[in-house]
Amino acid sequence: MGKLGGEELNFSSDADVIYVYDKDGRTDGPNAVDHFAFYARLAESVTASVGSAGVTPEGGFVFRVDLDLRPEGRSGPIVNAIRGLELYYEGYGATWERFALPQGEADRGRPRDGRGSLRRLTPFVFRKYST
């Protein structure tokens, strides 16, 4: 999102991030966990690694990571299933979110799937009828 998604990062930029996973379910294996729990832990780890908690040997940090653009801001979950995002934006999405989403970019995991997920939010960004 933001300057990161628009490939406009500069020295003072923060990285606006929304973590999304494909669908709810459970992982495979003997210690199976819900997808939400798995991806929430992964998101927290990634954020700590590159964010202000991810301090470099010189004492700096890689990026300031801003998760406030996610649905419900700081009070919302750190990660959402794409269907949850669709429902949130359909029912509660604000105008500023409509303007922010087109600058989003699927950067990690399976970018092709991520781009498909972003396309699923197109009806929110570009409303068929104005209200």
Protein backbone atom coordinates (compact mmCIF):
# COMPACT_ATOMS: atom_id res chain seq x y z
CA MET A 1 0.00 0.00 0.00
CA GLY A 2 1.04 3.64 -0.04
CA LYS A 3 4.50 4.55 -1.28
CA LEU A 4 5.64 0.92 -1.02
CA GLY A 5 2.92 -0.27 -3.43
CA GLY A 6 3.46 2.73 -5.68
CA GLU A 7 7.21 2.05 -5.76
CA GLU A 8 7.85 5.56 -4.39
CA LEU A 9 9.71 4.74 -1.16
CA ASN A 10 12.17 7.33 0.06
CA PHE A 11 14.35 7.76 3.13
CA SER A 12 11.51 8.92 5.38
CA SER A 13 8.78 6.57 4.07
CA ASP A 14 7.05 3.95 6.13
CA ALA A 15 5.88 0.67 4.66
CA ASP A 16 2.07 0.47 4.71
CA VAL A 17 1.22 -3.22 4.82
CA ILE A 18 -1.98 -5.27 4.81
CA TYR A 19 -1.50 -8.99 5.39
CA VAL A 20 -3.97 -11.21 3.50
CA TYR A 21 -4.32 -14.96 3.16
CA ASP A 22 -6.38 -16.96 0.69
CA LYS A 23 -9.05 -18.69 2.77
CA ASP A 24 -9.88 -20.01 6.19
CA GLY A 25 -9.02 -23.59 7.01
CA ARG A 26 -6.40 -25.58 8.88
CA THR A 27 -2.78 -26.42 8.17
CA ASP A 28 -1.78 -30.03 7.48
CA GLY A 29 0.19 -32.22 9.81
CA PRO A 30 0.04 -33.53 13.37
CA ASN A 31 0.05 -30.05 14.96
CA ALA A 32 -2.56 -28.46 12.71
CA VAL A 33 -3.60 -24.89 13.46
CA ASP A 34 -6.17 -22.57 11.96
CA HIS A 35 -4.96 -20.56 8.98
CA PHE A 36 -5.73 -17.34 10.87
CA ALA A 37 -3.47 -18.31 13.78
CA PHE A 38 -0.69 -19.45 11.45
CA TYR A 39 -0.74 -16.31 9.31
CA ALA A 40 -1.15 -13.99 12.32
CA ARG A 41 2.05 -15.40 13.84
CA LEU A 42 3.80 -15.17 10.49
CA ALA A 43 2.68 -11.54 10.03
CA GLU A 44 3.87 -10.61 13.51
CA SER A 45 7.25 -12.23 12.81
CA VAL A 46 7.68 -10.49 9.45
CA THR A 47 6.66 -7.14 10.92
CA ALA A 48 9.13 -7.53 13.78
CA SER A 49 11.88 -8.55 11.36
CA VAL A 50 11.66 -5.49 9.11
CA GLY A 51 9.89 -3.00 11.34
CA SER A 52 11.07 -0.86 14.17
CA ALA A 53 11.61 -4.02 16.26
CA GLY A 54 13.85 -5.43 13.50
CA VAL A 55 16.96 -3.52 14.47
CA THR A 56 20.01 -3.74 12.21
CA PRO A 57 23.51 -4.39 13.63
CA GLU A 58 24.15 -0.64 13.36
CA GLY A 59 21.17 0.09 15.62
CA GLY A 60 18.76 1.26 12.91
CA PHE A 61 15.74 -0.47 11.45
CA VAL A 62 14.91 -1.65 7.97
CA PHE A 63 11.52 0.09 7.57
CA ARG A 64 8.92 1.61 9.80
CA VAL A 65 6.01 -0.76 9.22
CA ASP A 66 2.54 0.78 9.42
CA LEU A 67 -0.35 -1.65 9.78
CA ASP A 68 -2.98 1.05 10.38
CA LEU A 69 -4.41 0.81 6.84
CA ARG A 70 -5.77 -2.66 7.52
CA PRO A 71 -9.51 -2.98 8.14
CA GLU A 72 -10.47 -1.51 11.51
CA GLY A 73 -6.97 -0.06 11.93
CA ARG A 74 -5.13 -0.93 15.13
CA SER A 75 -8.19 -2.57 16.64
CA GLY A 76 -8.54 -5.01 13.71
CA PRO A 77 -6.78 -8.34 13.26
CA ILE A 78 -3.24 -8.24 11.90
CA VAL A 79 -4.21 -10.55 9.03
CA ASN A 80 -7.45 -11.21 7.14
CA ALA A 81 -8.75 -13.82 4.72
CA ILE A 82 -9.55 -12.23 1.35
CA ARG A 83 -13.26 -13.04 1.83
CA GLY A 84 -13.18 -11.15 5.13
CA LEU A 85 -11.71 -8.14 3.33
CA GLU A 86 -14.44 -8.30 0.71
CA LEU A 87 -17.13 -8.31 3.39
CA TYR A 88 -15.45 -5.51 5.36
CA TYR A 89 -15.06 -3.19 2.37
CA GLU A 90 -18.55 -3.98 1.11
CA GLY A 91 -20.17 -3.07 4.43
CA TYR A 92 -17.83 -0.64 6.16
CA GLY A 93 -15.19 0.56 3.69
CA ALA A 94 -14.46 4.29 3.86
CA THR A 95 -13.79 6.59 0.94
CA TRP A 96 -10.08 6.93 1.84
CA GLU A 97 -9.77 3.12 1.67
CA ARG A 98 -11.27 3.19 -1.83
CA PHE A 99 -8.52 5.61 -2.85
CA ALA A 100 -5.72 3.65 -1.12
CA LEU A 101 -6.44 0.19 -2.54
CA PRO A 102 -5.49 0.82 -6.19
CA GLN A 103 -1.95 1.55 -5.07
CA GLY A 104 -1.73 -1.83 -3.34
CA GLU A 105 0.67 -4.38 -4.74
CA ALA A 106 0.92 -8.11 -4.08
CA ASP A 107 4.56 -8.43 -3.10
CA ARG A 108 5.15 -11.71 -1.32
CA GLY A 109 4.01 -15.27 -1.17
CA ARG A 110 2.45 -16.04 -4.50
CA PRO A 111 2.19 -12.61 -6.20
CA ARG A 112 -0.06 -14.01 -8.93
CA ASP A 113 -2.60 -15.12 -6.31
CA GLY A 114 -2.19 -11.80 -4.52
CA ARG A 115 -2.99 -9.84 -7.66
CA GLY A 116 -6.10 -12.00 -8.07
CA SER A 117 -7.08 -11.17 -4.49
CA LEU A 118 -6.65 -7.46 -5.16
CA ARG A 119 -8.84 -7.79 -8.26
CA ARG A 120 -11.57 -9.27 -6.07
CA LEU A 121 -11.70 -5.89 -4.30
CA THR A 122 -12.28 -4.00 -7.57
CA PRO A 123 -16.08 -3.73 -7.03
CA PHE A 124 -15.38 -1.77 -3.84
CA VAL A 125 -12.82 0.53 -5.44
CA PHE A 126 -14.83 1.21 -8.59
CA ARG A 127 -18.48 1.22 -7.61
CA LYS A 128 -20.96 0.40 -10.35
CA TYR A 129 -23.39 3.01 -9.03
CA SER A 130 -22.62 5.99 -6.85
CA THR A 131 -24.75 6.30 -3.75
